[in-house]
Amino acid sequence: MTYVIGSACVDVMDKSCVAECPADCIYEGARSLYINPNECVDCGACKIACRLDAIEYETDLPEEELAHLADNADFFLTVLPGRDAPLGSPGGAHGLGPVGVDTPLVAAMPMRETPAH
């Protein structure tokens, strides 16, 4: 069981959740953040901190967000450029830094327009 980041994070990536995660298991793709289900300790700190309401416990996902359950896990099966193996569980997002790629689900989503400041 794990927490899942849904579509509200795509193209926004507020990152308020990242600072609160004691397991350092929230990784940055190109357009969205992803929670590593093998590293998550199910504490819920990310859900509380998320200002976008983009994070839900997997059993609480609304039906329209269910695709993100498998999608978050699939992100860690991604083979990054210059690597021979999937991302897997690198043991912490901070040391890895932004990954720069997304899953096919997120990559296929229409770009969200960001409001002008």
N, C-alpha and C. Protein backbone atom coordinates (compact mmCIF):
# COMPACT_ATOMS: atom_id res chain seq x y z
N MET A 1 0.84 -1.18 0.00
CA MET A 1 0.00 0.00 0.00
C MET A 1 0.88 1.25 0.00
N THR A 2 0.37 2.28 -0.62
CA THR A 2 1.16 3.49 -0.73
C THR A 2 0.28 4.69 -1.04
N TYR A 3 0.87 5.84 -0.99
CA TYR A 3 0.21 7.07 -1.43
C TYR A 3 0.52 7.27 -2.90
N VAL A 4 -0.38 7.97 -3.60
CA VAL A 4 -0.29 8.13 -5.05
C VAL A 4 -0.48 9.61 -5.39
N ILE A 5 0.34 10.09 -6.31
CA ILE A 5 0.21 11.46 -6.80
C ILE A 5 -0.60 11.41 -8.10
N GLY A 6 -1.67 12.19 -8.14
CA GLY A 6 -2.57 12.18 -9.29
C GLY A 6 -2.35 13.33 -10.26
N SER A 7 -3.32 13.50 -11.11
CA SER A 7 -3.22 14.44 -12.23
C SER A 7 -3.11 15.91 -11.81
N ALA A 8 -3.55 16.26 -10.62
CA ALA A 8 -3.47 17.66 -10.19
C ALA A 8 -2.03 18.16 -10.08
N CYS A 9 -1.08 17.24 -10.01
CA CYS A 9 0.34 17.62 -9.90
C CYS A 9 0.97 17.89 -11.26
N VAL A 10 0.40 17.33 -12.32
CA VAL A 10 1.00 17.44 -13.65
C VAL A 10 1.10 18.91 -14.07
N ASP A 11 2.29 19.28 -14.47
CA ASP A 11 2.65 20.63 -14.94
C ASP A 11 2.61 21.68 -13.84
N VAL A 12 2.37 21.29 -12.60
CA VAL A 12 2.35 22.24 -11.49
C VAL A 12 3.51 21.95 -10.54
N MET A 13 3.65 20.71 -10.11
CA MET A 13 4.71 20.25 -9.20
C MET A 13 5.02 21.26 -8.10
N ASP A 14 4.08 21.48 -7.23
CA ASP A 14 4.23 22.41 -6.11
C ASP A 14 5.41 22.03 -5.20
N LYS A 15 5.66 20.76 -5.02
CA LYS A 15 6.78 20.20 -4.24
C LYS A 15 6.68 20.44 -2.74
N SER A 16 5.53 20.91 -2.25
CA SER A 16 5.38 21.06 -0.80
C SER A 16 5.46 19.70 -0.12
N CYS A 17 5.12 18.65 -0.82
CA CYS A 17 5.15 17.29 -0.27
C CYS A 17 6.58 16.79 -0.09
N VAL A 18 7.47 17.19 -0.98
CA VAL A 18 8.84 16.67 -0.99
C VAL A 18 9.55 16.97 0.33
N ALA A 19 9.42 18.19 0.82
CA ALA A 19 10.10 18.60 2.05
C ALA A 19 9.57 17.84 3.27
N GLU A 20 8.34 17.38 3.21
CA GLU A 20 7.73 16.70 4.36
C GLU A 20 7.93 15.20 4.37
N CYS A 21 8.41 14.63 3.28
CA CYS A 21 8.54 13.17 3.18
C CYS A 21 9.75 12.66 3.96
N PRO A 22 9.54 11.92 5.06
CA PRO A 22 10.68 11.43 5.84
C PRO A 22 11.44 10.30 5.14
N ALA A 23 10.81 9.67 4.15
CA ALA A 23 11.45 8.56 3.45
C ALA A 23 12.18 9.00 2.18
N ASP A 24 12.09 10.28 1.82
CA ASP A 24 12.73 10.81 0.61
C ASP A 24 12.35 9.97 -0.62
N CYS A 25 11.06 9.64 -0.72
CA CYS A 25 10.61 8.73 -1.78
C CYS A 25 9.77 9.40 -2.85
N ILE A 26 9.77 10.74 -2.91
CA ILE A 26 9.01 11.46 -3.94
C ILE A 26 10.00 11.97 -4.97
N TYR A 27 9.90 11.38 -6.16
CA TYR A 27 10.85 11.65 -7.24
C TYR A 27 10.25 12.60 -8.26
N GLU A 28 11.11 13.38 -8.90
CA GLU A 28 10.67 14.39 -9.85
C GLU A 28 10.89 13.93 -11.29
N GLY A 29 9.78 13.84 -12.02
CA GLY A 29 9.86 13.58 -13.45
C GLY A 29 9.93 14.91 -14.18
N ALA A 30 9.62 14.90 -15.47
CA ALA A 30 9.65 16.14 -16.24
C ALA A 30 8.44 17.02 -15.96
N ARG A 31 7.25 16.40 -15.79
CA ARG A 31 6.02 17.17 -15.61
C ARG A 31 5.26 16.83 -14.34
N SER A 32 5.69 15.82 -13.62
CA SER A 32 4.97 15.39 -12.42
C SER A 32 5.93 14.79 -11.40
N LEU A 33 5.43 14.66 -10.19
CA LEU A 33 6.16 13.97 -9.13
C LEU A 33 5.60 12.56 -9.00
N TYR A 34 6.40 11.63 -8.50
CA TYR A 34 6.01 10.23 -8.36
C TYR A 34 6.48 9.69 -7.01
N ILE A 35 5.63 8.92 -6.34
CA ILE A 35 5.98 8.31 -5.06
C ILE A 35 6.42 6.88 -5.31
N ASN A 36 7.61 6.54 -4.84
CA ASN A 36 8.11 5.17 -5.00
C ASN A 36 7.39 4.26 -4.01
N PRO A 37 6.57 3.32 -4.51
CA PRO A 37 5.79 2.47 -3.61
C PRO A 37 6.64 1.54 -2.75
N ASN A 38 7.86 1.26 -3.18
CA ASN A 38 8.74 0.39 -2.40
C ASN A 38 9.49 1.15 -1.31
N GLU A 39 9.55 2.45 -1.40
CA GLU A 39 10.25 3.26 -0.41
C GLU A 39 9.30 4.01 0.52
N CYS A 40 8.05 4.16 0.12
CA CYS A 40 7.06 4.89 0.92
C CYS A 40 6.78 4.14 2.22
N VAL A 41 6.72 4.88 3.32
CA VAL A 41 6.45 4.28 4.64
C VAL A 41 5.01 4.53 5.09
N ASP A 42 4.17 5.03 4.17
CA ASP A 42 2.74 5.23 4.43
C ASP A 42 2.44 6.13 5.62
N CYS A 43 3.24 7.15 5.82
CA CYS A 43 3.03 8.03 6.97
C CYS A 43 1.96 9.10 6.71
N GLY A 44 1.74 9.45 5.44
CA GLY A 44 0.73 10.44 5.10
C GLY A 44 1.18 11.88 5.18
N ALA A 45 2.44 12.12 5.51
CA ALA A 45 2.93 13.50 5.61
C ALA A 45 2.81 14.23 4.28
N CYS A 46 3.02 13.53 3.18
CA CYS A 46 2.92 14.16 1.86
C CYS A 46 1.51 14.63 1.56
N LYS A 47 0.52 13.81 1.90
CA LYS A 47 -0.88 14.17 1.64
C LYS A 47 -1.27 15.42 2.42
N ILE A 48 -0.86 15.49 3.66
CA ILE A 48 -1.17 16.64 4.50
C ILE A 48 -0.51 17.91 3.95
N ALA A 49 0.73 17.78 3.47
CA ALA A 49 1.48 18.95 3.00
C ALA A 49 1.09 19.41 1.60
N CYS A 50 0.50 18.55 0.80
CA CYS A 50 0.21 18.89 -0.60
C CYS A 50 -0.84 19.99 -0.69
N ARG A 51 -0.43 21.12 -1.24
CA ARG A 51 -1.34 22.25 -1.40
C ARG A 51 -2.25 22.10 -2.61
N LEU A 52 -2.02 21.07 -3.42
CA LEU A 52 -2.83 20.85 -4.62
C LEU A 52 -3.89 19.77 -4.43
N ASP A 53 -3.89 19.12 -3.27
CA ASP A 53 -4.76 17.96 -3.03
C ASP A 53 -4.57 16.91 -4.11
N ALA A 54 -3.33 16.71 -4.52
CA ALA A 54 -3.01 15.77 -5.59
C ALA A 54 -2.65 14.39 -5.07
N ILE A 55 -2.54 14.22 -3.75
CA ILE A 55 -2.08 12.96 -3.18
C ILE A 55 -3.20 12.28 -2.40
N GLU A 56 -3.38 10.99 -2.68
CA GLU A 56 -4.37 10.18 -1.99
C GLU A 56 -3.76 8.83 -1.63
N TYR A 57 -4.28 8.23 -0.58
CA TYR A 57 -3.90 6.85 -0.28
C TYR A 57 -4.51 5.99 -1.37
N GLU A 58 -3.83 4.96 -1.79
CA GLU A 58 -4.26 4.21 -2.96
C GLU A 58 -5.69 3.69 -2.89
N THR A 59 -6.17 3.34 -1.71
CA THR A 59 -7.55 2.84 -1.60
C THR A 59 -8.57 3.98 -1.59
N ASP A 60 -8.12 5.22 -1.50
CA ASP A 60 -9.01 6.38 -1.49
C ASP A 60 -9.02 7.15 -2.81
N LEU A 61 -8.33 6.63 -3.81
CA LEU A 61 -8.28 7.33 -5.10
C LEU A 61 -9.65 7.39 -5.74
N PRO A 62 -10.05 8.56 -6.24
CA PRO A 62 -11.30 8.64 -7.00
C PRO A 62 -11.14 7.82 -8.28
N GLU A 63 -12.23 7.35 -8.81
CA GLU A 63 -12.18 6.49 -9.99
C GLU A 63 -11.41 7.12 -11.15
N GLU A 64 -11.59 8.42 -11.35
CA GLU A 64 -10.91 9.08 -12.47
C GLU A 64 -9.40 9.18 -12.28
N GLU A 65 -8.91 8.87 -11.08
CA GLU A 65 -7.47 8.93 -10.79
C GLU A 65 -6.84 7.54 -10.65
N LEU A 66 -7.61 6.47 -10.78
CA LEU A 66 -7.11 5.12 -10.56
C LEU A 66 -5.93 4.76 -11.47
N ALA A 67 -5.89 5.29 -12.67
CA ALA A 67 -4.78 4.99 -13.59
C ALA A 67 -3.44 5.43 -13.00
N HIS A 68 -3.47 6.41 -12.11
CA HIS A 68 -2.22 6.90 -11.52
C HIS A 68 -1.62 5.93 -10.50
N LEU A 69 -2.40 4.99 -10.01
CA LEU A 69 -1.87 3.99 -9.07
C LEU A 69 -0.78 3.17 -9.75
N ALA A 70 -1.12 2.54 -10.86
CA ALA A 70 -0.13 1.76 -11.60
C ALA A 70 0.92 2.67 -12.22
N ASP A 71 0.51 3.85 -12.64
CA ASP A 71 1.41 4.79 -13.29
C ASP A 71 2.55 5.21 -12.36
N ASN A 72 2.23 5.53 -11.10
CA ASN A 72 3.29 5.90 -10.15
C ASN A 72 4.30 4.77 -10.01
N ALA A 73 3.82 3.53 -9.92
CA ALA A 73 4.72 2.38 -9.80
C ALA A 73 5.52 2.19 -11.09
N ASP A 74 4.86 2.39 -12.25
CA ASP A 74 5.53 2.20 -13.54
C ASP A 74 6.68 3.17 -13.74
N PHE A 75 6.59 4.35 -13.14
CA PHE A 75 7.68 5.32 -13.27
C PHE A 75 9.00 4.70 -12.85
N PHE A 76 8.98 3.84 -11.86
CA PHE A 76 10.21 3.26 -11.33
C PHE A 76 10.69 2.05 -12.14
N LEU A 77 9.93 1.71 -13.17
CA LEU A 77 10.35 0.69 -14.13
C LEU A 77 10.98 1.33 -15.36
N THR A 78 11.01 2.66 -15.39
CA THR A 78 11.57 3.42 -16.51
C THR A 78 13.08 3.24 -16.57
N VAL A 79 13.57 2.94 -17.76
CA VAL A 79 15.02 2.89 -17.98
C VAL A 79 15.44 4.27 -18.44
N LEU A 80 16.26 4.91 -17.65
CA LEU A 80 16.71 6.27 -17.96
C LEU A 80 17.82 6.26 -18.99
N PRO A 81 17.93 7.33 -19.77
CA PRO A 81 19.03 7.41 -20.74
C PRO A 81 20.38 7.21 -20.04
N GLY A 82 21.22 6.41 -20.65
CA GLY A 82 22.55 6.16 -20.10
C GLY A 82 22.59 5.08 -19.03
N ARG A 83 21.45 4.42 -18.77
CA ARG A 83 21.40 3.35 -17.77
C ARG A 83 20.96 2.07 -18.45
N ASP A 84 21.38 0.96 -17.90
CA ASP A 84 21.01 -0.34 -18.47
C ASP A 84 19.83 -0.97 -17.75
N ALA A 85 19.49 -0.45 -16.58
CA ALA A 85 18.45 -1.06 -15.77
C ALA A 85 17.39 -0.02 -15.40
N PRO A 86 16.21 -0.48 -15.01
CA PRO A 86 15.17 0.46 -14.58
C PRO A 86 15.61 1.26 -13.36
N LEU A 87 14.93 2.38 -13.15
CA LEU A 87 15.21 3.24 -12.01
C LEU A 87 15.12 2.48 -10.70
N GLY A 88 14.09 1.65 -10.53
CA GLY A 88 13.94 0.83 -9.34
C GLY A 88 13.77 1.64 -8.08
N SER A 89 14.49 1.25 -7.04
CA SER A 89 14.46 1.96 -5.75
C SER A 89 15.86 2.48 -5.48
N PRO A 90 16.15 3.69 -5.97
CA PRO A 90 17.51 4.22 -5.81
C PRO A 90 17.87 4.63 -4.39
N GLY A 91 16.90 4.57 -3.47
CA GLY A 91 17.22 4.86 -2.08
C GLY A 91 17.16 6.32 -1.70
N GLY A 92 16.43 7.10 -2.44
CA GLY A 92 16.24 8.49 -2.08
C GLY A 92 16.24 9.41 -3.27
N ALA A 93 15.26 10.27 -3.33
CA ALA A 93 15.10 11.19 -4.45
C ALA A 93 16.12 12.32 -4.40
N HIS A 94 16.47 12.75 -3.20
CA HIS A 94 17.36 13.90 -3.06
C HIS A 94 18.70 13.65 -3.75
N GLY A 95 19.28 12.49 -3.53
CA GLY A 95 20.57 12.17 -4.13
C GLY A 95 20.51 11.98 -5.63
N LEU A 96 19.35 11.57 -6.14
CA LEU A 96 19.19 11.33 -7.58
C LEU A 96 18.92 12.63 -8.34
N GLY A 97 18.10 13.49 -7.76
CA GLY A 97 17.73 14.73 -8.43
C GLY A 97 16.64 14.51 -9.47
N PRO A 98 16.27 15.54 -10.21
CA PRO A 98 15.21 15.42 -11.22
C PRO A 98 15.57 14.38 -12.26
N VAL A 99 14.59 13.55 -12.61
CA VAL A 99 14.81 12.47 -13.57
C VAL A 99 14.63 12.96 -15.00
N GLY A 100 13.72 13.89 -15.22
CA GLY A 100 13.57 14.50 -16.53
C GLY A 100 12.73 13.74 -17.54
N VAL A 101 12.11 12.64 -17.12
CA VAL A 101 11.20 11.89 -17.99
C VAL A 101 9.92 11.62 -17.22
N ASP A 102 8.89 11.24 -17.95
CA ASP A 102 7.62 10.89 -17.33
C ASP A 102 7.13 9.56 -17.89
N THR A 103 6.11 9.05 -17.27
CA THR A 103 5.47 7.84 -17.76
C THR A 103 4.67 8.18 -19.02
N PRO A 104 4.32 7.19 -19.82
CA PRO A 104 3.50 7.47 -21.01
C PRO A 104 2.16 8.13 -20.66
N LEU A 105 1.56 7.77 -19.53
CA LEU A 105 0.28 8.37 -19.12
C LEU A 105 0.44 9.88 -18.93
N VAL A 106 1.41 10.29 -18.17
CA VAL A 106 1.62 11.71 -17.91
C VAL A 106 2.11 12.43 -19.17
N ALA A 107 3.00 11.81 -19.91
CA ALA A 107 3.52 12.44 -21.13
C ALA A 107 2.41 12.70 -22.15
N ALA A 108 1.37 11.85 -22.16
CA ALA A 108 0.28 11.99 -23.12
C ALA A 108 -0.78 13.01 -22.69
N MET A 109 -0.73 13.43 -21.44
CA MET A 109 -1.72 14.40 -20.96
C MET A 109 -1.48 15.75 -21.62
N PRO A 110 -2.56 16.49 -21.92
CA PRO A 110 -2.38 17.82 -22.50
C PRO A 110 -1.62 18.71 -21.53
N MET A 111 -0.79 19.59 -22.08
CA MET A 111 -0.05 20.53 -21.24
C MET A 111 -1.03 21.47 -20.55
N ARG A 112 -0.82 21.66 -19.26
CA ARG A 112 -1.64 22.59 -18.50
C ARG A 112 -1.05 23.98 -18.63
N GLU A 113 -1.88 24.93 -18.92
CA GLU A 113 -1.39 26.30 -19.02
C GLU A 113 -1.19 26.84 -17.62
N THR A 114 -0.03 27.43 -17.40
CA THR A 114 0.25 28.02 -16.10
C THR A 114 -0.18 29.48 -16.11
N PRO A 115 -0.79 29.96 -15.04
CA PRO A 115 -1.23 31.35 -15.02
C PRO A 115 -0.04 32.31 -15.01
N ALA A 116 -0.20 33.44 -15.67
CA ALA A 116 0.84 34.47 -15.67
C ALA A 116 0.92 35.13 -14.31
N HIS A 117 2.12 35.48 -13.90
CA HIS A 117 2.30 36.13 -12.57
C HIS A 117 2.32 37.60 -12.69
